Amino acid sequence: YGAELPSAVDDVVEQLAARDATTSHEYEALRVR
């Protein structure tokens, strides 16, 4: 499986926002396919 080191961003809100952007991109790709 894939994994990476923790983000250097300290703010929890920013971390969740970045994860939400990734999830949104994944959702759109899955919807099209």
PDB file of all heavy atoms in Angstrom:
ATOM      1  N   TYR A   1       0.835  -1.195   0.000  1.00  0.00           N
ATOM      2  CA  TYR A   1       0.000   0.000   0.000  1.00  0.00           C
ATOM      3  C   TYR A   1       0.871   1.246   0.000  1.00  0.00           C
ATOM      4  O   TYR A   1       2.066   1.189   0.279  1.00  0.00           O
ATOM      5  CB  TYR A   1      -0.943  -0.008   1.211  1.00  0.00           C
ATOM      6  CG  TYR A   1      -1.863  -1.198   1.227  1.00  0.00           C
ATOM      7  CD1 TYR A   1      -1.513  -2.368   1.898  1.00  0.00           C
ATOM      8  CD2 TYR A   1      -3.077  -1.172   0.548  1.00  0.00           C
ATOM      9  CE1 TYR A   1      -2.348  -3.478   1.899  1.00  0.00           C
ATOM     10  CE2 TYR A   1      -3.922  -2.271   0.545  1.00  0.00           C
ATOM     11  CZ  TYR A   1      -3.552  -3.427   1.222  1.00  0.00           C
ATOM     12  OH  TYR A   1      -4.372  -4.523   1.212  1.00  0.00           O
ATOM     13  N   GLY A   2       0.269   2.380  -0.303  1.00  0.00           N
ATOM     14  CA  GLY A   2       1.020   3.622  -0.347  1.00  0.00           C
ATOM     15  C   GLY A   2       1.052   4.300   1.010  1.00  0.00           C
ATOM     16  O   GLY A   2       0.117   4.199   1.804  1.00  0.00           O
ATOM     17  N   ALA A   3       2.147   4.994   1.291  1.00  0.00           N
ATOM     18  CA  ALA A   3       2.283   5.737   2.544  1.00  0.00           C
ATOM     19  C   ALA A   3       3.338   6.811   2.345  1.00  0.00           C
ATOM     20  O   ALA A   3       4.161   6.733   1.427  1.00  0.00           O
ATOM     21  CB  ALA A   3       2.671   4.811   3.700  1.00  0.00           C
ATOM     22  N   GLU A   4       3.303   7.813   3.186  1.00  0.00           N
ATOM     23  CA  GLU A   4       4.282   8.890   3.118  1.00  0.00           C
ATOM     24  C   GLU A   4       4.498   9.451   4.512  1.00  0.00           C
ATOM     25  O   GLU A   4       3.710   9.183   5.440  1.00  0.00           O
ATOM     26  CB  GLU A   4       3.813   9.995   2.171  1.00  0.00           C
ATOM     27  CG  GLU A   4       2.470  10.589   2.547  1.00  0.00           C
ATOM     28  CD  GLU A   4       1.963  11.572   1.511  1.00  0.00           C
ATOM     29  OE1 GLU A   4       2.461  11.532   0.367  1.00  0.00           O
ATOM     30  OE2 GLU A   4       1.075  12.370   1.834  1.00  0.00           O
ATOM     31  N   LEU A   5       5.559  10.221   4.664  1.00  0.00           N
ATOM     32  CA  LEU A   5       5.852  10.828   5.951  1.00  0.00           C
ATOM     33  C   LEU A   5       4.799  11.878   6.292  1.00  0.00           C
ATOM     34  O   LEU A   5       4.140  12.417   5.393  1.00  0.00           O
ATOM     35  CB  LEU A   5       7.238  11.464   5.925  1.00  0.00           C
ATOM     36  CG  LEU A   5       8.416  10.480   5.866  1.00  0.00           C
ATOM     37  CD1 LEU A   5       9.731  11.236   5.664  1.00  0.00           C
ATOM     38  CD2 LEU A   5       8.481   9.636   7.133  1.00  0.00           C
ATOM     39  N   PRO A   6       4.623  12.169   7.567  1.00  0.00           N
ATOM     40  CA  PRO A   6       3.613  13.156   7.971  1.00  0.00           C
ATOM     41  C   PRO A   6       3.852  14.500   7.317  1.00  0.00           C
ATOM     42  O   PRO A   6       4.978  14.879   7.021  1.00  0.00           O
ATOM     43  CB  PRO A   6       3.781  13.239   9.494  1.00  0.00           C
ATOM     44  CG  PRO A   6       4.455  11.967   9.882  1.00  0.00           C
ATOM     45  CD  PRO A   6       5.322  11.596   8.728  1.00  0.00           C
ATOM     46  N   SER A   7       2.769  15.236   7.105  1.00  0.00           N
ATOM     47  CA  SER A   7       2.863  16.562   6.522  1.00  0.00           C
ATOM     48  C   SER A   7       3.565  17.512   7.479  1.00  0.00           C
ATOM     49  O   SER A   7       3.451  17.393   8.703  1.00  0.00           O
ATOM     50  CB  SER A   7       1.463  17.086   6.194  1.00  0.00           C
ATOM     51  OG  SER A   7       1.513  18.438   5.821  1.00  0.00           O
ATOM     52  N   ALA A   8       4.293  18.469   6.909  1.00  0.00           N
ATOM     53  CA  ALA A   8       4.976  19.465   7.730  1.00  0.00           C
ATOM     54  C   ALA A   8       4.032  20.556   8.198  1.00  0.00           C
ATOM     55  O   ALA A   8       4.406  21.413   8.996  1.00  0.00           O
ATOM     56  CB  ALA A   8       6.131  20.085   6.938  1.00  0.00           C
ATOM     57  N   VAL A   9       2.791  20.542   7.684  1.00  0.00           N
ATOM     58  CA  VAL A   9       1.809  21.554   8.076  1.00  0.00           C
ATOM     59  C   VAL A   9       1.358  21.285   9.499  1.00  0.00           C
ATOM     60  O   VAL A   9       0.941  20.172   9.835  1.00  0.00           O
ATOM     61  CB  VAL A   9       0.600  21.530   7.117  1.00  0.00           C
ATOM     62  CG1 VAL A   9      -0.431  22.561   7.549  1.00  0.00           C
ATOM     63  CG2 VAL A   9       1.064  21.791   5.696  1.00  0.00           C
ATOM     64  N   ASP A  10       1.437  22.290  10.349  1.00  0.00           N
ATOM     65  CA  ASP A  10       1.091  22.115  11.749  1.00  0.00           C
ATOM     66  C   ASP A  10      -0.392  22.276  12.017  1.00  0.00           C
ATOM     67  O   ASP A  10      -0.933  21.717  12.958  1.00  0.00           O
ATOM     68  CB  ASP A  10       1.869  23.128  12.615  1.00  0.00           C
ATOM     69  CG  ASP A  10       3.369  22.858  12.593  1.00  0.00           C
ATOM     70  OD1 ASP A  10       3.732  21.674  12.443  1.00  0.00           O
ATOM     71  OD2 ASP A  10       4.149  23.819  12.713  1.00  0.00           O
ATOM     72  N   ASP A  11      -1.059  23.066  11.199  1.00  0.00           N
ATOM     73  CA  ASP A  11      -2.455  23.375  11.447  1.00  0.00           C
ATOM     74  C   ASP A  11      -3.345  22.210  11.041  1.00  0.00           C
ATOM     75  O   ASP A  11      -3.313  21.757   9.887  1.00  0.00           O
ATOM     76  CB  ASP A  11      -2.862  24.631  10.674  1.00  0.00           C
ATOM     77  CG  ASP A  11      -4.249  25.104  11.084  1.00  0.00           C
ATOM     78  OD1 ASP A  11      -4.349  25.841  12.079  1.00  0.00           O
ATOM     79  OD2 ASP A  11      -5.210  24.703  10.393  1.00  0.00           O
ATOM     80  N   VAL A  12      -4.149  21.731  11.966  1.00  0.00           N
ATOM     81  CA  VAL A  12      -5.017  20.584  11.708  1.00  0.00           C
ATOM     82  C   VAL A  12      -6.047  20.925  10.639  1.00  0.00           C
ATOM     83  O   VAL A  12      -6.377  20.100   9.779  1.00  0.00           O
ATOM     84  CB  VAL A  12      -5.720  20.138  13.009  1.00  0.00           C
ATOM     85  CG1 VAL A  12      -6.697  19.005  12.728  1.00  0.00           C
ATOM     86  CG2 VAL A  12      -4.692  19.699  14.037  1.00  0.00           C
ATOM     87  N   VAL A  13      -6.571  22.149  10.662  1.00  0.00           N
ATOM     88  CA  VAL A  13      -7.572  22.555   9.670  1.00  0.00           C
ATOM     89  C   VAL A  13      -6.984  22.495   8.274  1.00  0.00           C
ATOM     90  O   VAL A  13      -7.620  22.032   7.325  1.00  0.00           O
ATOM     91  CB  VAL A  13      -8.091  23.965   9.989  1.00  0.00           C
ATOM     92  CG1 VAL A  13      -9.093  24.413   8.925  1.00  0.00           C
ATOM     93  CG2 VAL A  13      -8.746  23.995  11.363  1.00  0.00           C
ATOM     94  N   GLU A  14      -5.756  22.961   8.114  1.00  0.00           N
ATOM     95  CA  GLU A  14      -5.105  22.922   6.807  1.00  0.00           C
ATOM     96  C   GLU A  14      -4.855  21.491   6.360  1.00  0.00           C
ATOM     97  O   GLU A  14      -4.977  21.162   5.177  1.00  0.00           O
ATOM     98  CB  GLU A  14      -3.794  23.699   6.855  1.00  0.00           C
ATOM     99  CG  GLU A  14      -3.967  25.198   7.036  1.00  0.00           C
ATOM    100  CD  GLU A  14      -2.646  25.924   6.949  1.00  0.00           C
ATOM    101  OE1 GLU A  14      -1.714  25.382   6.320  1.00  0.00           O
ATOM    102  OE2 GLU A  14      -2.530  27.028   7.500  1.00  0.00           O
ATOM    103  N   GLN A  15      -4.508  20.625   7.295  1.00  0.00           N
ATOM    104  CA  GLN A  15      -4.302  19.217   6.953  1.00  0.00           C
ATOM    105  C   GLN A  15      -5.586  18.596   6.424  1.00  0.00           C
ATOM    106  O   GLN A  15      -5.587  17.906   5.396  1.00  0.00           O
ATOM    107  CB  GLN A  15      -3.820  18.442   8.188  1.00  0.00           C
ATOM    108  CG  GLN A  15      -2.466  18.870   8.715  1.00  0.00           C
ATOM    109  CD  GLN A  15      -2.166  18.227  10.043  1.00  0.00           C
ATOM    110  OE1 GLN A  15      -2.766  17.228  10.394  1.00  0.00           O
ATOM    111  NE2 GLN A  15      -1.247  18.814  10.786  1.00  0.00           N
ATOM    112  N   LEU A  16      -6.695  18.846   7.132  1.00  0.00           N
ATOM    113  CA  LEU A  16      -7.972  18.290   6.699  1.00  0.00           C
ATOM    114  C   LEU A  16      -8.423  18.899   5.375  1.00  0.00           C
ATOM    115  O   LEU A  16      -9.030  18.222   4.548  1.00  0.00           O
ATOM    116  CB  LEU A  16      -9.028  18.516   7.774  1.00  0.00           C
ATOM    117  CG  LEU A  16      -8.816  17.745   9.083  1.00  0.00           C
ATOM    118  CD1 LEU A  16      -9.860  18.136  10.109  1.00  0.00           C
ATOM    119  CD2 LEU A  16      -8.854  16.242   8.843  1.00  0.00           C
ATOM    120  N   ALA A  17      -8.129  20.183   5.162  1.00  0.00           N
ATOM    121  CA  ALA A  17      -8.492  20.828   3.900  1.00  0.00           C
ATOM    122  C   ALA A  17      -7.735  20.204   2.733  1.00  0.00           C
ATOM    123  O   ALA A  17      -8.289  19.970   1.658  1.00  0.00           O
ATOM    124  CB  ALA A  17      -8.215  22.324   3.975  1.00  0.00           C
ATOM    125  N   ALA A  18      -6.448  19.936   2.939  1.00  0.00           N
ATOM    126  CA  ALA A  18      -5.647  19.303   1.891  1.00  0.00           C
ATOM    127  C   ALA A  18      -6.157  17.896   1.601  1.00  0.00           C
ATOM    128  O   ALA A  18      -6.243  17.478   0.449  1.00  0.00           O
ATOM    129  CB  ALA A  18      -4.182  19.261   2.317  1.00  0.00           C
ATOM    130  N   ARG A  19      -6.525  17.169   2.650  1.00  0.00           N
ATOM    131  CA  ARG A  19      -7.054  15.822   2.457  1.00  0.00           C
ATOM    132  C   ARG A  19      -8.399  15.872   1.744  1.00  0.00           C
ATOM    133  O   ARG A  19      -8.711  15.021   0.901  1.00  0.00           O
ATOM    134  CB  ARG A  19      -7.189  15.119   3.811  1.00  0.00           C
ATOM    135  CG  ARG A  19      -7.692  13.692   3.723  1.00  0.00           C
ATOM    136  CD  ARG A  19      -7.657  13.021   5.081  1.00  0.00           C
ATOM    137  NE  ARG A  19      -6.294  12.970   5.603  1.00  0.00           N
ATOM    138  CZ  ARG A  19      -5.982  12.522   6.829  1.00  0.00           C
ATOM    139  NH1 ARG A  19      -6.938  12.111   7.631  1.00  0.00           N
ATOM    140  NH2 ARG A  19      -4.734  12.497   7.233  1.00  0.00           N
ATOM    141  N   ASP A  20      -9.216  16.881   2.067  1.00  0.00           N
ATOM    142  CA  ASP A  20     -10.509  17.026   1.416  1.00  0.00           C
ATOM    143  C   ASP A  20     -10.345  17.305  -0.073  1.00  0.00           C
ATOM    144  O   ASP A  20     -11.107  16.803  -0.906  1.00  0.00           O
ATOM    145  CB  ASP A  20     -11.287  18.160   2.078  1.00  0.00           C
ATOM    146  CG  ASP A  20     -12.715  18.253   1.558  1.00  0.00           C
ATOM    147  OD1 ASP A  20     -13.308  17.191   1.276  1.00  0.00           O
ATOM    148  OD2 ASP A  20     -13.227  19.369   1.423  1.00  0.00           O
ATOM    149  N   ALA A  21      -9.333  18.099  -0.435  1.00  0.00           N
ATOM    150  CA  ALA A  21      -9.085  18.386  -1.851  1.00  0.00           C
ATOM    151  C   ALA A  21      -8.700  17.115  -2.593  1.00  0.00           C
ATOM    152  O   ALA A  21      -9.147  16.869  -3.719  1.00  0.00           O
ATOM    153  CB  ALA A  21      -7.984  19.434  -1.982  1.00  0.00           C
ATOM    154  N   THR A  22      -7.864  16.287  -1.953  1.00  0.00           N
ATOM    155  CA  THR A  22      -7.476  15.015  -2.571  1.00  0.00           C
ATOM    156  C   THR A  22      -8.674  14.099  -2.755  1.00  0.00           C
ATOM    157  O   THR A  22      -8.848  13.460  -3.793  1.00  0.00           O
ATOM    158  CB  THR A  22      -6.413  14.325  -1.709  1.00  0.00           C
ATOM    159  OG1 THR A  22      -5.284  15.183  -1.567  1.00  0.00           O
ATOM    160  CG2 THR A  22      -5.984  13.006  -2.337  1.00  0.00           C
ATOM    161  N   THR A  23      -9.534  14.037  -1.725  1.00  0.00           N
ATOM    162  CA  THR A  23     -10.723  13.193  -1.794  1.00  0.00           C
ATOM    163  C   THR A  23     -11.680  13.676  -2.878  1.00  0.00           C
ATOM    164  O   THR A  23     -12.304  12.876  -3.574  1.00  0.00           O
ATOM    165  CB  THR A  23     -11.436  13.177  -0.434  1.00  0.00           C
ATOM    166  OG1 THR A  23     -10.521  12.750   0.584  1.00  0.00           O
ATOM    167  CG2 THR A  23     -12.616  12.220  -0.451  1.00  0.00           C
ATOM    168  N   SER A  24     -11.810  14.993  -3.030  1.00  0.00           N
ATOM    169  CA  SER A  24     -12.687  15.548  -4.062  1.00  0.00           C
ATOM    170  C   SER A  24     -12.198  15.166  -5.453  1.00  0.00           C
ATOM    171  O   SER A  24     -12.990  14.811  -6.334  1.00  0.00           O
ATOM    172  CB  SER A  24     -12.760  17.070  -3.928  1.00  0.00           C
ATOM    173  OG  SER A  24     -13.319  17.439  -2.682  1.00  0.00           O
ATOM    174  N   HIS A  25     -10.889  15.238  -5.648  1.00  0.00           N
ATOM    175  CA  HIS A  25     -10.324  14.842  -6.939  1.00  0.00           C
ATOM    176  C   HIS A  25     -10.569  13.358  -7.198  1.00  0.00           C
ATOM    177  O   HIS A  25     -10.921  12.958  -8.324  1.00  0.00           O
ATOM    178  CB  HIS A  25      -8.829  15.146  -6.954  1.00  0.00           C
ATOM    179  CG  HIS A  25      -8.135  14.707  -8.204  1.00  0.00           C
ATOM    180  ND1 HIS A  25      -8.282  15.357  -9.416  1.00  0.00           N
ATOM    181  CD2 HIS A  25      -7.314  13.638  -8.450  1.00  0.00           C
ATOM    182  CE1 HIS A  25      -7.579  14.734 -10.339  1.00  0.00           C
ATOM    183  NE2 HIS A  25      -6.983  13.691  -9.780  1.00  0.00           N
ATOM    184  N   GLU A  26     -10.403  12.544  -6.170  1.00  0.00           N
ATOM    185  CA  GLU A  26     -10.632  11.108  -6.315  1.00  0.00           C
ATOM    186  C   GLU A  26     -12.097  10.826  -6.642  1.00  0.00           C
ATOM    187  O   GLU A  26     -12.410   9.977  -7.487  1.00  0.00           O
ATOM    188  CB  GLU A  26     -10.239  10.395  -5.022  1.00  0.00           C
ATOM    189  CG  GLU A  26     -10.498   8.901  -5.037  1.00  0.00           C
ATOM    190  CD  GLU A  26     -10.247   8.244  -3.695  1.00  0.00           C
ATOM    191  OE1 GLU A  26      -9.921   8.973  -2.729  1.00  0.00           O
ATOM    192  OE2 GLU A  26     -10.380   7.015  -3.600  1.00  0.00           O
ATOM    193  N   TYR A  27     -13.002  11.561  -5.984  1.00  0.00           N
ATOM    194  CA  TYR A  27     -14.434  11.371  -6.233  1.00  0.00           C
ATOM    195  C   TYR A  27     -14.789  11.693  -7.678  1.00  0.00           C
ATOM    196  O   TYR A  27     -15.528  10.942  -8.330  1.00  0.00           O
ATOM    197  CB  TYR A  27     -15.246  12.244  -5.277  1.00  0.00           C
ATOM    198  CG  TYR A  27     -16.709  12.330  -5.632  1.00  0.00           C
ATOM    199  CD1 TYR A  27     -17.570  11.280  -5.348  1.00  0.00           C
ATOM    200  CD2 TYR A  27     -17.218  13.462  -6.267  1.00  0.00           C
ATOM    201  CE1 TYR A  27     -18.915  11.347  -5.683  1.00  0.00           C
ATOM    202  CE2 TYR A  27     -18.560  13.541  -6.605  1.00  0.00           C
ATOM    203  CZ  TYR A  27     -19.406  12.486  -6.317  1.00  0.00           C
ATOM    204  OH  TYR A  27     -20.730  12.553  -6.658  1.00  0.00           O
ATOM    205  N   GLU A  28     -14.283  12.798  -8.202  1.00  0.00           N
ATOM    206  CA  GLU A  28     -14.585  13.182  -9.576  1.00  0.00           C
ATOM    207  C   GLU A  28     -14.054  12.158 -10.564  1.00  0.00           C
ATOM    208  O   GLU A  28     -14.724  11.826 -11.559  1.00  0.00           O
ATOM    209  CB  GLU A  28     -13.995  14.566  -9.878  1.00  0.00           C
ATOM    210  CG  GLU A  28     -14.674  15.701  -9.117  1.00  0.00           C
ATOM    211  CD  GLU A  28     -16.149  15.814  -9.422  1.00  0.00           C
ATOM    212  OE1 GLU A  28     -16.543  15.500 -10.566  1.00  0.00           O
ATOM    213  OE2 GLU A  28     -16.920  16.218  -8.536  1.00  0.00           O
ATOM    214  N   ALA A  29     -12.840  11.643 -10.305  1.00  0.00           N
ATOM    215  CA  ALA A  29     -12.270  10.631 -11.198  1.00  0.00           C
ATOM    216  C   ALA A  29     -13.106   9.357 -11.175  1.00  0.00           C
ATOM    217  O   ALA A  29     -13.379   8.751 -12.226  1.00  0.00           O
ATOM    218  CB  ALA A  29     -10.825  10.336 -10.797  1.00  0.00           C
ATOM    219  N   LEU A  30     -13.532   8.938  -9.990  1.00  0.00           N
ATOM    220  CA  LEU A  30     -14.355   7.732  -9.874  1.00  0.00           C
ATOM    221  C   LEU A  30     -15.712   7.932 -10.541  1.00  0.00           C
ATOM    222  O   LEU A  30     -16.235   7.016 -11.189  1.00  0.00           O
ATOM    223  CB  LEU A  30     -14.550   7.375  -8.394  1.00  0.00           C
ATOM    224  CG  LEU A  30     -13.342   6.781  -7.679  1.00  0.00           C
ATOM    225  CD1 LEU A  30     -13.605   6.689  -6.181  1.00  0.00           C
ATOM    226  CD2 LEU A  30     -13.003   5.403  -8.236  1.00  0.00           C
ATOM    227  N   ARG A  31     -16.281   9.121 -10.402  1.00  0.00           N
ATOM    228  CA  ARG A  31     -17.592   9.395 -11.001  1.00  0.00           C
ATOM    229  C   ARG A  31     -17.531   9.292 -12.520  1.00  0.00           C
ATOM    230  O   ARG A  31     -18.400   8.678 -13.152  1.00  0.00           O
ATOM    231  CB  ARG A  31     -18.077  10.784 -10.577  1.00  0.00           C
ATOM    232  CG  ARG A  31     -19.506  11.098 -11.002  1.00  0.00           C
ATOM    233  CD  ARG A  31     -19.996  12.358 -10.323  1.00  0.00           C
ATOM    234  NE  ARG A  31     -19.282  13.521 -10.839  1.00  0.00           N
ATOM    235  CZ  ARG A  31     -19.701  14.255 -11.879  1.00  0.00           C
ATOM    236  NH1 ARG A  31     -20.818  13.922 -12.511  1.00  0.00           N
ATOM    237  NH2 ARG A  31     -19.023  15.300 -12.286  1.00  0.00           N
ATOM    238  N   VAL A  32     -16.500   9.878 -13.117  1.00  0.00           N
ATOM    239  CA  VAL A  32     -16.359   9.833 -14.575  1.00  0.00           C
ATOM    240  C   VAL A  32     -16.184   8.388 -15.040  1.00  0.00           C
ATOM    241  O   VAL A  32     -16.828   7.943 -16.003  1.00  0.00           O
ATOM    242  CB  VAL A  32     -15.171  10.700 -15.030  1.00  0.00           C
ATOM    243  CG1 VAL A  32     -14.880  10.472 -16.503  1.00  0.00           C
ATOM    244  CG2 VAL A  32     -15.455  12.170 -14.759  1.00  0.00           C
ATOM    245  N   ARG A  33     -15.325   7.642 -14.355  1.00  0.00           N
ATOM    246  CA  ARG A  33     -15.082   6.261 -14.772  1.00  0.00           C
ATOM    247  C   ARG A  33     -16.306   5.385 -14.579  1.00  0.00           C
ATOM    248  O   ARG A  33     -16.586   4.501 -15.405  1.00  0.00           O
ATOM    249  CB  ARG A  33     -13.898   5.702 -13.982  1.00  0.00           C
ATOM    250  CG  ARG A  33     -12.581   6.374 -14.334  1.00  0.00           C
ATOM    251  CD  ARG A  33     -11.429   5.829 -13.519  1.00  0.00           C
ATOM    252  NE  ARG A  33     -10.184   6.507 -13.866  1.00  0.00           N
ATOM    253  CZ  ARG A  33      -9.019   6.250 -13.302  1.00  0.00           C
ATOM    254  NH1 ARG A  33      -8.931   5.336 -12.356  1.00  0.00           N
ATOM    255  NH2 ARG A  33      -7.941   6.914 -13.689  1.00  0.00           N
TER     256      ARG A  33
END
